[in-house]
Amino acid sequence: MVVGMEQGLDWYAAKALLEWQLEMGVDEAMLDAPVDRFAAHEAEQEALKARHAARAAGPGAARGAAPVRAPEVDPVAEARTLAAGAADLAALQAALAGYEHCPLKRGARNLVFADGVPGARVMLVGEAPGRDEDLQGKPFVGRAGQLLDRMLAAVGLSRAESVYITNVLPWRPPQNRDPKPDEIAMLLPFLHRHIALADPDLLVIMGNTSCQALLGKRGITRLRGTWGEAAERPALPMLHPAYLLRNPQAKREAWADMLSLKAKLRALG
């Protein structure tokens, strides 16, 4: 039935009325009651938001269940657990390789675990891998490592026969920046376990980061040359070979420390 006929309009008048309505933008059939299109649009948007929120919260949220959150992990506590469970050096290396909470791991090429002779009387603890160490997966292999080898040879030691070497951090920090306190804290349980498994007679602690980790102190130019104790064994802080490359005048002090190391080994028998 044409709109308007029931109101007494003739066909031409009803047609003219419909054409006028089309010109005014009316393009839907008229209903018995008005429809608030603005309210309908707002309701549709609210329903859409609710569906997105339920999807983001998980399947249980759609049924009124509270979203399930993954329990937070304490990186230091997990490091302690993994380190304590390592029965030997190979197991400790595997535990470190599987540790996922240190962000340095994501930017490094290789895990730098150790070099030298496990069980040697002398264990050197450096700071962190540099570019060359990251590429080769071994500590002290760049220019600083070459200087270290010459220093050891001068007192009758070598990594091939009588020294074991590791770092506080097994992964290279970006642009060789200083390690952050939280990075040291989460990797320290692995270092302590490393020392316990290697079981050296004494430690040589090279650089500020190593002193901070094992002695709780910084200021290597002040600490160097003075024997202390770390990980329940004698420990000698020394200038890092990289520092000696930048400050050749300090090599005299480094030589005195190497002589002190040689004398300590002789005293321990």
Protein backbone atom coordinates (compact mmCIF):
# COMPACT_ATOMS: atom_id res chain seq x y z
CA MET A 1 0.00 0.00 0.00
CA VAL A 2 1.35 3.43 -0.92
CA VAL A 3 2.09 5.68 2.07
CA GLY A 4 -0.63 8.39 2.35
CA MET A 5 -3.56 6.51 0.77
CA GLU A 6 -5.09 5.78 4.18
CA GLN A 7 -5.07 9.53 4.89
CA GLY A 8 -7.27 10.33 1.82
CA LEU A 9 -4.49 11.34 -0.54
CA ASP A 10 -4.91 10.47 -4.20
CA TRP A 11 -2.26 8.55 -6.12
CA TYR A 12 -0.57 11.63 -7.57
CA ALA A 13 -0.40 13.38 -4.23
CA ALA A 14 1.01 10.25 -2.53
CA LYS A 15 3.60 9.88 -5.32
CA ALA A 16 4.60 13.51 -4.97
CA LEU A 17 4.94 13.03 -1.19
CA LEU A 18 7.23 10.00 -1.63
CA GLU A 19 9.38 11.84 -4.19
CA TRP A 20 9.72 14.76 -1.77
CA GLN A 21 10.76 12.38 1.02
CA LEU A 22 13.43 10.81 -1.24
CA GLU A 23 14.79 14.27 -2.05
CA MET A 24 14.98 14.96 1.67
CA GLY A 25 17.11 11.81 2.19
CA VAL A 26 14.50 9.33 3.40
CA ASP A 27 15.60 6.00 1.92
CA GLU A 28 13.99 3.47 4.30
CA ALA A 29 10.44 2.34 4.85
CA MET A 30 8.70 4.18 7.68
CA LEU A 31 7.85 2.24 10.84
CA ASP A 32 5.00 2.56 13.28
CA ALA A 33 7.34 4.08 15.93
CA PRO A 34 10.42 6.35 15.63
CA VAL A 35 13.90 4.80 15.88
CA ASP A 36 16.78 6.62 17.67
CA ARG A 37 19.68 5.77 15.39
CA PHE A 38 22.21 7.60 17.64
CA ALA A 39 21.29 5.45 20.64
CA ALA A 40 21.47 2.30 18.52
CA HIS A 41 24.96 3.24 17.31
CA GLU A 42 26.18 3.87 20.87
CA ALA A 43 24.79 0.52 22.02
CA GLU A 44 26.53 -1.23 19.14
CA GLN A 45 29.86 0.39 20.06
CA GLU A 46 29.51 -0.62 23.74
CA ALA A 47 28.79 -4.21 22.74
CA LEU A 48 31.84 -4.20 20.47
CA LYS A 49 34.06 -2.93 23.32
CA ALA A 50 32.72 -5.61 25.63
CA ARG A 51 33.54 -8.34 23.10
CA HIS A 52 37.10 -7.04 22.69
CA ALA A 53 37.61 -6.88 26.46
CA ALA A 54 36.33 -10.43 26.92
CA ARG A 55 38.60 -11.70 24.13
CA ALA A 56 41.67 -9.98 25.66
CA ALA A 57 40.93 -11.33 29.14
CA GLY A 58 40.76 -14.93 27.94
CA PRO A 59 38.14 -17.60 27.45
CA GLY A 60 37.15 -17.70 31.11
CA ALA A 61 36.22 -14.01 31.16
CA ALA A 62 33.34 -14.53 28.72
CA ARG A 63 31.74 -16.81 31.33
CA GLY A 64 32.39 -14.39 34.16
CA ALA A 65 35.58 -16.08 35.36
CA ALA A 66 38.52 -13.97 36.55
CA PRO A 67 41.46 -13.80 34.09
CA VAL A 68 44.34 -16.14 34.94
CA ARG A 69 47.74 -14.46 35.31
CA ALA A 70 51.04 -16.24 35.04
CA PRO A 71 52.88 -16.25 38.36
CA GLU A 72 55.77 -13.79 38.58
CA VAL A 73 59.22 -15.36 38.61
CA ASP A 74 62.07 -14.12 40.82
CA PRO A 75 65.13 -14.23 38.52
CA VAL A 76 67.59 -14.45 41.43
CA ALA A 77 65.67 -17.25 43.16
CA GLU A 78 65.47 -19.24 39.94
CA ALA A 79 69.19 -18.71 39.34
CA ARG A 80 69.92 -20.07 42.82
CA THR A 81 67.80 -23.14 42.13
CA LEU A 82 69.39 -23.85 38.75
CA ALA A 83 72.93 -23.27 40.01
CA ALA A 84 72.47 -25.45 43.09
CA GLY A 85 71.18 -28.27 40.91
CA ALA A 86 74.31 -28.35 38.74
CA ALA A 87 76.47 -31.31 39.80
CA ASP A 88 79.44 -30.43 37.58
CA LEU A 89 80.73 -27.72 35.27
CA ALA A 90 79.03 -29.17 32.19
CA ALA A 91 75.67 -29.15 34.00
CA LEU A 92 76.29 -25.58 35.17
CA GLN A 93 77.03 -24.46 31.61
CA ALA A 94 73.80 -26.12 30.44
CA ALA A 95 71.86 -24.43 33.25
CA LEU A 96 73.25 -21.03 32.24
CA ALA A 97 72.40 -21.68 28.60
CA GLY A 98 68.81 -22.42 29.58
CA TYR A 99 68.42 -19.39 31.85
CA GLU A 100 66.02 -16.96 30.15
CA HIS A 101 65.70 -14.06 32.61
CA CYS A 102 68.82 -12.05 31.73
CA PRO A 103 68.11 -9.61 28.87
CA LEU A 104 71.79 -9.63 27.87
CA LYS A 105 71.31 -13.12 26.47
CA ARG A 106 69.00 -11.86 23.71
CA GLY A 107 71.63 -9.50 22.30
CA ALA A 108 74.69 -11.73 22.60
CA ARG A 109 76.04 -14.11 19.96
CA ASN A 110 77.49 -16.68 22.35
CA LEU A 111 77.50 -17.79 25.95
CA VAL A 112 81.02 -17.15 27.27
CA PHE A 113 81.42 -19.76 29.99
CA ALA A 114 85.09 -20.40 30.73
CA ASP A 115 88.54 -21.21 29.40
CA GLY A 116 91.66 -22.84 30.78
CA VAL A 117 92.06 -25.83 33.07
CA PRO A 118 89.17 -26.78 35.38
CA GLY A 119 90.54 -27.61 38.79
CA ALA A 120 93.60 -25.34 38.39
CA ARG A 121 94.96 -23.73 41.54
CA VAL A 122 94.35 -20.21 40.17
CA MET A 123 90.95 -19.03 38.98
CA LEU A 124 90.66 -15.61 37.31
CA VAL A 125 87.31 -13.82 37.38
CA GLY A 126 86.90 -11.04 34.83
CA GLU A 127 83.98 -8.68 34.30
CA ALA A 128 82.08 -9.42 31.07
CA PRO A 129 82.80 -10.51 27.49
CA GLY A 130 83.80 -7.97 24.89
CA ARG A 131 83.34 -8.15 21.13
CA ASP A 132 86.05 -10.76 20.49
CA GLU A 133 84.92 -12.89 23.42
CA ASP A 134 81.32 -12.75 22.25
CA LEU A 135 82.35 -13.89 18.76
CA GLN A 136 84.55 -16.75 19.94
CA GLY A 137 82.64 -17.82 23.04
CA LYS A 138 85.74 -17.69 25.29
CA PRO A 139 86.88 -15.14 27.91
CA PHE A 140 89.94 -12.92 27.45
CA VAL A 141 90.73 -13.58 23.78
CA GLY A 142 91.03 -10.00 22.49
CA ARG A 143 93.87 -7.54 23.06
CA ALA A 144 93.26 -7.61 26.81
CA GLY A 145 93.43 -11.39 26.74
CA GLN A 146 96.72 -11.36 24.90
CA LEU A 147 98.16 -9.03 27.52
CA LEU A 148 96.83 -11.29 30.26
CA ASP A 149 98.57 -14.30 28.70
CA ARG A 150 101.88 -12.40 28.73
CA MET A 151 101.36 -11.39 32.36
CA LEU A 152 100.68 -14.99 33.37
CA ALA A 153 103.67 -16.30 31.43
CA ALA A 154 105.93 -13.85 33.26
CA VAL A 155 105.26 -15.72 36.54
CA GLY A 156 105.20 -19.21 35.07
CA LEU A 157 101.42 -19.59 34.60
CA SER A 158 99.23 -20.21 31.55
CA ARG A 159 95.62 -20.91 30.74
CA ALA A 160 96.71 -24.04 28.89
CA GLU A 161 98.23 -25.63 32.01
CA SER A 162 97.66 -23.84 35.30
CA VAL A 163 94.87 -21.23 35.20
CA TYR A 164 91.08 -21.35 34.89
CA ILE A 165 89.23 -18.24 33.65
CA THR A 166 85.64 -17.03 33.72
CA ASN A 167 83.64 -13.78 33.98
CA VAL A 168 80.96 -12.41 36.26
CA LEU A 169 78.65 -12.12 33.24
CA PRO A 170 78.58 -14.80 30.54
CA TRP A 171 76.94 -12.52 27.94
CA ARG A 172 78.28 -9.32 26.40
CA PRO A 173 76.52 -6.08 27.46
CA PRO A 174 75.56 -3.84 24.51
CA GLN A 175 78.40 -1.55 23.41
CA ASN A 176 80.48 -2.99 26.28
CA ARG A 177 78.59 -0.87 28.83
CA ASP A 178 79.02 -1.55 32.54
CA PRO A 179 76.82 -4.38 33.86
CA LYS A 180 73.73 -3.26 35.75
CA PRO A 181 73.24 -4.24 39.41
CA ASP A 182 70.23 -6.44 38.64
CA GLU A 183 72.22 -8.28 35.94
CA ILE A 184 75.03 -8.98 38.40
CA ALA A 185 72.57 -10.09 41.08
CA MET A 186 70.78 -12.64 38.90
CA LEU A 187 74.02 -14.16 37.61
CA LEU A 188 75.93 -14.17 40.89
CA PRO A 189 74.51 -17.56 42.03
CA PHE A 190 75.95 -19.12 38.87
CA LEU A 191 79.35 -17.53 39.56
CA HIS A 192 79.47 -18.79 43.16
CA ARG A 193 78.54 -22.28 41.99
CA HIS A 194 81.16 -22.02 39.24
CA ILE A 195 83.86 -21.24 41.81
CA ALA A 196 82.71 -24.07 44.07
CA LEU A 197 82.80 -26.62 41.25
CA ALA A 198 86.15 -25.44 39.85
CA ASP A 199 87.51 -25.40 43.44
CA PRO A 200 90.67 -23.30 42.98
CA ASP A 201 93.16 -22.59 45.77
CA LEU A 202 92.77 -18.85 45.23
CA LEU A 203 91.00 -16.24 43.13
CA VAL A 204 92.28 -13.32 41.09
CA ILE A 205 89.50 -10.73 40.79
CA MET A 206 90.01 -8.43 37.83
CA GLY A 207 88.22 -5.10 37.55
CA ASN A 208 85.56 -3.13 39.39
CA THR A 209 82.60 -5.29 38.37
CA SER A 210 84.29 -8.43 39.67
CA CYS A 211 85.17 -6.72 42.96
CA GLN A 212 81.60 -5.51 43.31
CA ALA A 213 80.24 -9.01 42.70
CA LEU A 214 82.61 -11.00 44.91
CA LEU A 215 83.82 -8.49 47.52
CA GLY A 216 80.91 -6.06 47.63
CA LYS A 217 83.34 -3.19 47.02
CA ARG A 218 84.36 -0.88 44.18
CA GLY A 219 87.46 1.23 43.57
CA ILE A 220 89.89 -1.19 41.97
CA THR A 221 92.83 1.26 42.03
CA ARG A 222 92.47 1.36 45.81
CA LEU A 223 91.67 -2.34 46.32
CA ARG A 224 94.30 -3.83 44.02
CA GLY A 225 97.23 -5.66 45.53
CA THR A 226 95.55 -6.30 48.90
CA TRP A 227 94.62 -9.89 49.61
CA GLY A 228 91.12 -10.52 50.93
CA GLU A 229 88.65 -13.38 50.89
CA ALA A 230 85.88 -14.25 48.46
CA ALA A 231 83.88 -17.45 48.06
CA GLU A 232 85.70 -18.85 51.12
CA ARG A 233 89.19 -18.65 49.63
CA PRO A 234 92.02 -16.08 49.30
CA ALA A 235 91.31 -13.43 46.69
CA LEU A 236 93.56 -10.83 45.08
CA PRO A 237 91.97 -7.81 43.36
CA MET A 238 93.91 -6.71 40.28
CA LEU A 239 93.66 -4.10 37.56
CA HIS A 240 91.88 -5.41 34.48
CA PRO A 241 94.16 -5.88 31.44
CA ALA A 242 91.88 -3.58 29.44
CA TYR A 243 92.62 -0.84 31.99
CA LEU A 244 96.34 -1.47 31.54
CA LEU A 245 96.00 -1.03 27.78
CA ARG A 246 94.46 2.39 28.36
CA ASN A 247 96.89 3.27 31.17
CA PRO A 248 100.29 1.71 30.43
CA GLN A 249 101.84 3.49 33.41
CA ALA A 250 99.84 1.15 35.69
CA LYS A 251 101.66 -1.95 34.41
CA ARG A 252 104.23 -1.52 37.17
CA GLU A 253 101.50 -2.04 39.77
CA ALA A 254 100.15 -5.02 37.84
CA TRP A 255 103.62 -6.60 37.85
CA ALA A 256 103.80 -6.18 41.63
CA ASP A 257 100.44 -7.94 41.93
CA MET A 258 101.61 -10.82 39.74
CA LEU A 259 104.64 -11.26 41.99
CA SER A 260 102.30 -11.27 44.98
CA LEU A 261 100.25 -14.00 43.30
CA LYS A 262 103.36 -16.08 42.69
CA ALA A 263 104.44 -15.69 46.32
CA LYS A 264 100.97 -16.67 47.59
CA LEU A 265 100.98 -19.86 45.53
CA ARG A 266 104.38 -20.73 46.93
CA ALA A 267 103.18 -20.06 50.49
CA LEU A 268 100.12 -22.27 50.03
CA GLY A 269 102.36 -25.09 48.87
